[in-house]
Amino acid sequence: MFTEATAPLRLPPTRPAARAPQSVTEHRLSFDGFGYICRVLWQDTPVTEPLVLLGGSSQDRFSWARHEERWAEACTVVTIDLPGYGAAEPLPTRYGIDFLAAAVRDALYELGMAKVNLLGACFGGAVALRFAQHYPDALRRLVLAGMTTRVPREYAEAVPRWLRMLDDDRREEMARQLVARFMSQPGAGAIRRHAAISRLLHQQFMAQTPRQIGMAVVDHNVRLMNHEWFRPEPVPALPALVFTGEYDSLTTPHMGRETAARLPGAAFLTVRDADHLVHMERIDEFTDLLLRFCTDRPISDLPYCSPVEYPAAR
């Protein structure tokens, strides 16, 4: 039985995973009795380690479909529905980020991947950072997008109100507030596809099933409020990048710099004309930035990014 006090484990030597050349495979796995799902787009001639993606609470293993084709030119791409998210089994809220990080470690063991590049976006960033703290030998590079060392105060204050709205069948009102919290207000800056993404998020939320609402909204936010988001444990010295949109009002650039300052040698930058949802607003640029970083190509002087900073060196 996993507990929050479970000692960190190390990955075993890599072992082969059965697959066809350049295929997509799905793996239904179980960790500590909770089923979860991995989707793998295999690359037989990679130029970098596998890229593992951990997204936000409402993202699933298919949310990166428009990004992964280009990433797969360089490496194997792994997306995961962790326990409690996507199409995985529900996860009681007593299980927190330590458990989810351990589930990622379990997935890598099952897939035979001893060392990976890891991207954590939004909530996935908290899981990715905990993974880096507990299982450093499994990482080659770490990327955190829209990450902070603390749950934003405005978000924490809104959670009880949102849950009451669901209880009162005020779902439309909650959807409007949720979208407004994740996206910058109109007029904050020149944000690509701002109106279109706002409409899409609202439609996606309203189309969620009761099961999806229960897992991605209710259970997720209870888990978020009841467990440590960030823990000041040692972080390994490895290539690390922290970034967000220049107009991110949820996990602001200032918060991103604070996060990067906790990671030895980490680079920080912002993506122009984007907010917290930079992965949707600037898909090509988001994809290109991550691919460059994971293949050790320069990320300075990119026309769509701010200058690179190294906050820990200050």
Protein backbone atom coordinates (compact mmCIF):
# COMPACT_ATOMS: atom_id res chain seq x y z
CA MET A 1 0.00 0.00 0.00
CA PHE A 2 1.40 3.39 -0.97
CA THR A 3 1.49 6.08 1.68
CA GLU A 4 2.70 9.68 1.52
CA ALA A 5 5.64 8.55 3.66
CA THR A 6 6.75 5.85 1.22
CA ALA A 7 10.49 6.16 0.60
CA PRO A 8 11.45 7.25 -2.93
CA LEU A 9 12.18 4.36 -5.26
CA ARG A 10 14.65 4.13 -8.10
CA LEU A 11 13.87 2.95 -11.61
CA PRO A 12 15.31 -0.42 -12.63
CA PRO A 13 17.44 -0.86 -15.71
CA THR A 14 15.44 -0.44 -18.88
CA ARG A 15 13.60 -3.47 -20.18
CA PRO A 16 12.10 -3.95 -23.62
CA ALA A 17 8.48 -3.08 -24.28
CA ALA A 18 6.63 -5.07 -26.93
CA ARG A 19 5.63 -2.84 -29.84
CA ALA A 20 5.49 -2.56 -33.59
CA PRO A 21 7.85 -0.10 -35.35
CA GLN A 22 6.65 3.52 -35.14
CA SER A 23 3.33 2.49 -33.67
CA VAL A 24 0.86 3.93 -31.20
CA THR A 25 0.14 1.67 -28.25
CA GLU A 26 -2.12 1.98 -25.22
CA HIS A 27 -1.27 0.39 -21.90
CA ARG A 28 -3.87 -0.17 -19.19
CA LEU A 29 -1.91 -0.39 -15.98
CA SER A 30 -2.55 -0.38 -12.25
CA PHE A 31 -0.70 1.25 -9.39
CA ASP A 32 -1.56 0.36 -5.80
CA GLY A 33 -4.92 -0.94 -7.00
CA PHE A 34 -5.91 2.09 -9.12
CA GLY A 35 -6.10 1.66 -12.87
CA TYR A 36 -4.61 4.21 -15.24
CA ILE A 37 -3.77 4.49 -18.94
CA CYS A 38 -0.63 5.32 -20.92
CA ARG A 39 -0.63 6.24 -24.61
CA VAL A 40 2.71 5.90 -26.39
CA LEU A 41 3.71 7.18 -29.82
CA TRP A 42 6.91 5.26 -30.44
CA GLN A 43 9.92 6.56 -32.36
CA ASP A 44 12.39 3.84 -33.40
CA THR A 45 15.24 6.21 -34.21
CA PRO A 46 15.05 8.86 -31.48
CA VAL A 47 17.53 11.69 -31.08
CA THR A 48 16.55 12.31 -27.46
CA GLU A 49 14.98 10.46 -24.55
CA PRO A 50 11.21 9.80 -24.45
CA LEU A 51 9.06 12.84 -23.74
CA VAL A 52 6.48 12.29 -21.00
CA LEU A 53 3.61 14.81 -20.74
CA LEU A 54 1.67 15.61 -17.57
CA GLY A 55 -1.11 18.11 -18.20
CA GLY A 56 -3.71 19.97 -16.21
CA SER A 57 -6.71 18.54 -14.39
CA SER A 58 -9.02 18.63 -17.41
CA GLN A 59 -6.46 17.37 -19.91
CA ASP A 60 -6.21 13.71 -20.85
CA ARG A 61 -3.88 11.56 -22.91
CA PHE A 62 -5.39 12.88 -26.16
CA SER A 63 -5.05 16.58 -25.31
CA TRP A 64 -1.63 16.79 -26.94
CA ALA A 65 -2.63 15.31 -30.31
CA ARG A 66 -1.81 18.52 -32.22
CA HIS A 67 1.63 18.73 -30.62
CA GLU A 68 2.82 15.15 -30.52
CA GLU A 69 3.28 14.50 -34.25
CA ARG A 70 6.16 16.95 -34.45
CA TRP A 71 7.63 15.87 -31.12
CA ALA A 72 7.54 12.28 -32.38
CA GLU A 73 9.98 13.25 -35.15
CA ALA A 74 12.64 13.34 -32.44
CA CYS A 75 11.52 10.92 -29.74
CA THR A 76 8.92 8.61 -28.29
CA VAL A 77 6.01 10.57 -26.79
CA VAL A 78 4.07 9.38 -23.72
CA THR A 79 0.79 10.80 -22.46
CA ILE A 80 -0.83 9.50 -19.28
CA ASP A 81 -4.26 9.46 -17.69
CA LEU A 82 -3.05 9.16 -14.10
CA PRO A 83 -5.33 7.67 -11.43
CA GLY A 84 -8.14 10.15 -10.75
CA TYR A 85 -7.88 11.87 -14.15
CA GLY A 86 -9.07 11.42 -17.72
CA ALA A 87 -10.35 7.89 -18.35
CA ALA A 88 -8.42 6.38 -15.45
CA GLU A 89 -10.13 5.06 -12.33
CA PRO A 90 -11.27 7.59 -9.71
CA LEU A 91 -8.75 8.31 -6.97
CA PRO A 92 -9.85 9.12 -3.40
CA THR A 93 -8.84 12.61 -2.37
CA ARG A 94 -6.69 11.31 0.48
CA TYR A 95 -4.09 10.53 -2.20
CA GLY A 96 -1.99 13.53 -3.13
CA ILE A 97 0.87 14.61 -5.35
CA ASP A 98 3.38 12.14 -3.86
CA PHE A 99 1.13 9.30 -4.98
CA LEU A 100 0.70 10.71 -8.48
CA ALA A 101 4.46 11.18 -8.87
CA ALA A 102 4.96 7.57 -7.79
CA ALA A 103 2.36 6.48 -10.36
CA VAL A 104 4.43 8.19 -13.08
CA ARG A 105 7.48 6.26 -11.87
CA ASP A 106 5.42 3.07 -12.07
CA ALA A 107 4.40 3.90 -15.65
CA LEU A 108 8.01 4.35 -16.71
CA TYR A 109 8.92 1.00 -15.17
CA GLU A 110 6.10 -0.71 -17.03
CA LEU A 111 7.08 0.94 -20.32
CA GLY A 112 10.75 0.09 -19.89
CA MET A 113 11.93 3.71 -19.83
CA ALA A 114 14.81 4.32 -17.46
CA LYS A 115 15.37 8.02 -18.26
CA VAL A 116 13.00 10.57 -19.82
CA ASN A 117 12.35 14.21 -20.61
CA LEU A 118 9.39 15.33 -18.47
CA LEU A 119 6.95 18.17 -19.16
CA GLY A 120 4.54 19.23 -16.44
CA ALA A 121 1.94 21.86 -17.36
CA CYS A 122 -0.25 23.58 -14.76
CA PHE A 123 -1.26 20.89 -12.21
CA GLY A 124 1.02 18.48 -14.05
CA GLY A 125 3.88 20.81 -13.10
CA ALA A 126 3.39 20.06 -9.41
CA VAL A 127 3.48 16.32 -10.14
CA ALA A 128 6.52 16.70 -12.41
CA LEU A 129 8.47 18.69 -9.84
CA ARG A 130 7.69 16.16 -7.09
CA PHE A 131 8.81 13.43 -9.47
CA ALA A 132 12.10 15.27 -10.02
CA GLN A 133 12.60 15.52 -6.26
CA HIS A 134 11.83 11.85 -5.58
CA TYR A 135 13.11 10.08 -8.69
CA PRO A 136 15.96 12.21 -10.07
CA ASP A 137 17.77 9.26 -11.66
CA ALA A 138 14.84 8.85 -14.06
CA LEU A 139 15.15 12.37 -15.54
CA ARG A 140 17.23 13.76 -18.37
CA ARG A 141 15.47 17.14 -18.64
CA LEU A 142 12.61 18.87 -16.81
CA VAL A 143 10.18 21.41 -18.28
CA LEU A 144 7.51 23.21 -16.23
CA ALA A 145 4.86 25.31 -18.00
CA GLY A 146 2.51 27.58 -16.06
CA MET A 147 3.98 26.48 -12.73
CA THR A 148 4.16 28.20 -9.34
CA THR A 149 5.44 27.33 -5.88
CA ARG A 150 2.06 28.15 -4.32
CA VAL A 151 -1.59 27.81 -5.24
CA PRO A 152 -2.65 31.33 -6.25
CA ARG A 153 -4.69 32.97 -3.49
CA GLU A 154 -7.53 33.98 -5.81
CA TYR A 155 -7.84 30.40 -7.04
CA ALA A 156 -7.86 28.93 -3.53
CA GLU A 157 -10.56 31.41 -2.47
CA ALA A 158 -12.67 30.52 -5.50
CA VAL A 159 -12.68 26.74 -4.98
CA PRO A 160 -15.34 26.62 -2.20
CA ARG A 161 -17.53 29.00 -4.20
CA TRP A 162 -17.24 26.84 -7.34
CA LEU A 163 -18.12 23.69 -5.43
CA ARG A 164 -21.20 25.39 -3.96
CA MET A 165 -22.24 26.44 -7.47
CA LEU A 166 -22.12 22.82 -8.58
CA ASP A 167 -24.22 21.78 -5.58
CA ASP A 168 -26.72 24.53 -6.45
CA ASP A 169 -26.87 23.49 -10.13
CA ARG A 170 -25.27 26.79 -11.26
CA ARG A 171 -22.94 25.11 -13.69
CA GLU A 172 -23.13 27.79 -16.37
CA GLU A 173 -22.08 30.47 -13.90
CA MET A 174 -19.25 28.32 -12.60
CA ALA A 175 -18.03 27.67 -16.14
CA ARG A 176 -17.82 31.39 -16.84
CA GLN A 177 -15.85 32.01 -13.65
CA LEU A 178 -13.53 29.06 -14.24
CA VAL A 179 -12.67 30.20 -17.76
CA ALA A 180 -12.10 33.76 -16.52
CA ARG A 181 -9.71 32.50 -13.83
CA PHE A 182 -7.59 30.50 -16.28
CA MET A 183 -7.50 33.16 -18.98
CA SER A 184 -6.37 36.77 -18.83
CA GLN A 185 -9.07 39.42 -19.00
CA PRO A 186 -9.75 41.00 -22.39
CA GLY A 187 -7.46 43.94 -22.93
CA ALA A 188 -4.57 42.50 -20.90
CA GLY A 189 -2.52 42.16 -24.07
CA ALA A 190 -2.47 40.86 -27.61
CA ILE A 191 -3.28 37.22 -26.87
CA ARG A 192 -3.56 34.86 -29.82
CA ARG A 193 -6.96 33.19 -30.28
CA HIS A 194 -8.18 34.57 -26.93
CA ALA A 195 -11.90 34.69 -27.77
CA ALA A 196 -11.86 31.35 -29.59
CA ILE A 197 -10.07 29.56 -26.74
CA SER A 198 -12.46 31.10 -24.20
CA ARG A 199 -15.44 29.75 -26.09
CA LEU A 200 -13.81 26.34 -26.50
CA LEU A 201 -13.04 26.00 -22.80
CA HIS A 202 -16.58 26.98 -21.87
CA GLN A 203 -18.03 24.46 -24.31
CA GLN A 204 -15.73 21.71 -23.10
CA PHE A 205 -16.66 22.31 -19.49
CA MET A 206 -20.39 22.36 -20.20
CA ALA A 207 -20.07 19.09 -22.17
CA GLN A 208 -18.42 17.20 -19.32
CA THR A 209 -20.25 14.18 -17.93
CA PRO A 210 -21.10 13.92 -14.22
CA ARG A 211 -18.18 11.50 -13.85
CA GLN A 212 -15.79 13.98 -15.46
CA ILE A 213 -17.07 16.84 -13.30
CA GLY A 214 -16.70 14.69 -10.20
CA MET A 215 -13.08 13.77 -10.98
CA ALA A 216 -11.66 16.83 -12.77
CA VAL A 217 -13.44 19.51 -10.74
CA VAL A 218 -14.67 18.21 -7.39
CA ASP A 219 -12.09 15.56 -6.48
CA HIS A 220 -9.24 17.44 -8.13
CA ASN A 221 -9.86 20.68 -6.25
CA VAL A 222 -10.38 18.92 -2.93
CA ARG A 223 -7.07 17.14 -3.54
CA LEU A 224 -5.44 20.43 -4.50
CA MET A 225 -6.53 22.15 -1.30
CA ASN A 226 -5.72 19.26 1.03
CA HIS A 227 -2.19 18.37 -0.09
CA GLU A 228 1.09 20.20 -0.44
CA TRP A 229 1.37 21.82 -3.86
CA PHE A 230 5.08 22.53 -3.48
CA ARG A 231 7.53 21.03 -1.01
CA PRO A 232 10.98 22.61 -0.54
CA GLU A 233 12.89 19.37 -1.02
CA PRO A 234 16.18 19.19 -2.96
CA VAL A 235 15.90 19.33 -6.73
CA PRO A 236 18.55 17.63 -8.86
CA ALA A 237 20.90 19.68 -11.00
CA LEU A 238 19.72 18.85 -14.50
CA PRO A 239 18.69 20.82 -17.58
CA ALA A 240 15.45 22.58 -16.61
CA LEU A 241 13.19 25.12 -18.27
CA VAL A 242 10.29 27.04 -16.72
CA PHE A 243 8.00 29.16 -18.89
CA THR A 244 4.52 30.58 -19.31
CA GLY A 245 2.66 33.09 -21.43
CA GLU A 246 3.70 36.71 -20.99
CA TYR A 247 0.14 37.65 -19.92
CA ASP A 248 -0.50 34.66 -17.64
CA SER A 249 -2.71 35.96 -14.82
CA LEU A 250 -3.12 32.60 -13.03
CA THR A 251 0.50 31.53 -12.61
CA THR A 252 2.14 34.83 -13.43
CA PRO A 253 5.61 35.31 -14.90
CA HIS A 254 6.75 36.47 -11.46
CA MET A 255 5.60 33.14 -10.01
CA GLY A 256 7.40 31.33 -12.82
CA ARG A 257 10.65 33.14 -11.99
CA GLU A 258 10.22 32.15 -8.33
CA THR A 259 9.79 28.54 -9.42
CA ALA A 260 12.85 28.62 -11.68
CA ALA A 261 14.88 30.10 -8.81
CA ARG A 262 14.24 26.87 -6.88
CA LEU A 263 15.80 24.74 -9.63
CA PRO A 264 19.60 24.78 -9.93
CA GLY A 265 20.55 26.45 -13.22
CA ALA A 266 17.00 26.52 -14.58
CA ALA A 267 16.18 28.82 -17.49
CA PHE A 268 13.04 30.96 -17.46
CA LEU A 269 11.25 32.76 -20.29
CA THR A 270 7.80 33.82 -21.41
CA VAL A 271 6.04 33.16 -24.70
CA ARG A 272 4.75 36.29 -26.38
CA ASP A 273 1.07 36.92 -27.16
CA ALA A 274 -0.15 34.20 -24.77
CA ASP A 275 -1.44 33.69 -21.24
CA HIS A 276 -1.75 30.56 -19.07
CA LEU A 277 -3.11 28.56 -22.00
CA VAL A 278 -0.03 29.09 -24.14
CA HIS A 279 -0.12 25.41 -25.22
CA MET A 280 -3.46 26.09 -26.96
CA GLU A 281 -2.94 29.68 -28.07
CA ARG A 282 0.49 29.18 -29.63
CA ILE A 283 0.65 25.48 -30.50
CA ASP A 284 3.46 25.71 -33.05
CA GLU A 285 5.62 27.87 -30.80
CA PHE A 286 4.97 25.74 -27.71
CA THR A 287 5.88 22.62 -29.67
CA ASP A 288 8.99 24.18 -31.17
CA LEU A 289 10.27 25.51 -27.84
CA LEU A 290 9.97 22.15 -26.13
CA LEU A 291 11.54 20.29 -29.04
CA ARG A 292 14.48 22.68 -29.12
CA PHE A 293 15.09 22.34 -25.40
CA CYS A 294 14.88 18.54 -25.43
CA THR A 295 17.36 18.28 -28.30
CA ASP A 296 19.87 20.76 -26.83
CA ARG A 297 19.33 23.42 -29.46
CA PRO A 298 19.43 27.12 -28.55
CA ILE A 299 16.32 28.68 -27.01
CA SER A 300 17.71 32.20 -26.79
CA ASP A 301 16.75 34.89 -29.29
CA LEU A 302 13.58 33.11 -30.40
CA PRO A 303 11.22 35.65 -31.99
CA TYR A 304 8.21 34.34 -30.05
CA CYS A 305 9.88 34.39 -26.61
CA SER A 306 11.27 36.87 -24.14
CA PRO A 307 15.03 36.78 -23.43
CA VAL A 308 16.15 33.78 -21.39
CA GLU A 309 16.75 34.42 -17.68
CA TYR A 310 18.48 32.34 -15.00
CA PRO A 311 16.78 33.37 -11.74
CA ALA A 312 18.77 31.04 -9.45
CA ALA A 313 21.99 32.80 -10.47
CA ARG A 314 20.85 36.15 -9.09
